[in-house]
Amino acid sequence: MTPKLSRLPTATAEAAQVRRRSLGAMIAHKRRCREAGQPDAEAVNRMIHAFHARGGAITQCPRPM
């Protein structure tokens, strides 16, 4: 059983609401991605071109030792 938000300290209640909003946003994002489906080669090429046109650059993270 979870306590009602009104009975929780303010910081705890706010943290619980942030978690719920974050979870809702993650679920909505996953749903949009699933509905969009896999991009075809042409769409991928457009995205890469747009990335480079905005000044995007590919970087490589240093390898851990």
Protein backbone atom coordinates (compact mmCIF):
# COMPACT_ATOMS: atom_id res chain seq x y z
CA MET A 1 0.00 0.00 0.00
CA THR A 2 1.39 3.43 -0.94
CA PRO A 3 0.70 6.52 1.13
CA LYS A 4 -1.40 9.29 -0.36
CA LEU A 5 0.57 12.22 -1.71
CA SER A 6 -1.13 14.62 0.70
CA ARG A 7 0.32 12.70 3.65
CA LEU A 8 3.88 12.72 2.35
CA PRO A 9 6.41 15.44 3.12
CA THR A 10 6.49 18.04 0.36
CA ALA A 11 9.88 16.98 -1.05
CA THR A 12 8.83 13.32 -1.14
CA ALA A 13 5.52 14.13 -2.81
CA GLU A 14 7.28 16.28 -5.41
CA ALA A 15 9.81 13.53 -6.10
CA ALA A 16 7.00 11.02 -6.56
CA GLN A 17 5.26 13.31 -9.04
CA VAL A 18 8.50 13.86 -10.98
CA ARG A 19 8.99 10.08 -11.21
CA ARG A 20 5.44 9.63 -12.48
CA ARG A 21 5.88 12.38 -15.10
CA SER A 22 9.22 10.92 -16.17
CA LEU A 23 7.75 7.44 -16.44
CA GLY A 24 4.82 8.80 -18.44
CA ALA A 25 7.20 10.61 -20.79
CA MET A 26 9.30 7.47 -21.27
CA ILE A 27 6.23 5.38 -22.05
CA ALA A 28 4.92 7.99 -24.51
CA HIS A 29 8.34 8.17 -26.22
CA LYS A 30 8.51 4.39 -26.53
CA ARG A 31 4.99 4.33 -28.01
CA ARG A 32 5.89 7.03 -30.58
CA CYS A 33 9.04 5.15 -31.58
CA ARG A 34 7.15 1.89 -31.95
CA GLU A 35 4.44 3.57 -34.06
CA ALA A 36 7.04 5.27 -36.27
CA GLY A 37 8.64 1.95 -37.18
CA GLN A 38 12.12 1.40 -38.58
CA PRO A 39 13.42 4.18 -40.83
CA ASP A 40 14.34 3.19 -44.37
CA ALA A 41 17.74 3.94 -45.92
CA GLU A 42 16.48 7.19 -47.48
CA ALA A 43 15.21 8.48 -44.13
CA VAL A 44 18.51 7.59 -42.44
CA ASN A 45 20.45 9.43 -45.15
CA ARG A 46 18.23 12.51 -44.68
CA MET A 47 18.83 12.45 -40.91
CA ILE A 48 22.59 12.13 -41.36
CA HIS A 49 22.62 14.97 -43.90
CA ALA A 50 20.58 17.18 -41.55
CA PHE A 51 22.95 16.35 -38.67
CA HIS A 52 26.00 17.37 -40.69
CA ALA A 53 24.21 20.48 -42.06
CA ARG A 54 23.65 21.66 -38.46
CA GLY A 55 27.38 21.34 -37.83
CA GLY A 56 27.26 17.90 -36.25
CA ALA A 57 30.47 15.98 -36.04
CA ILE A 58 31.21 12.39 -35.16
CA THR A 59 33.43 12.00 -32.12
CA GLN A 60 34.99 8.99 -30.51
CA CYS A 61 34.98 8.52 -26.77
CA PRO A 62 38.33 7.61 -25.22
CA ARG A 63 38.74 3.94 -24.45
CA PRO A 64 38.82 3.02 -20.77
CA MET A 65 42.18 1.83 -19.55
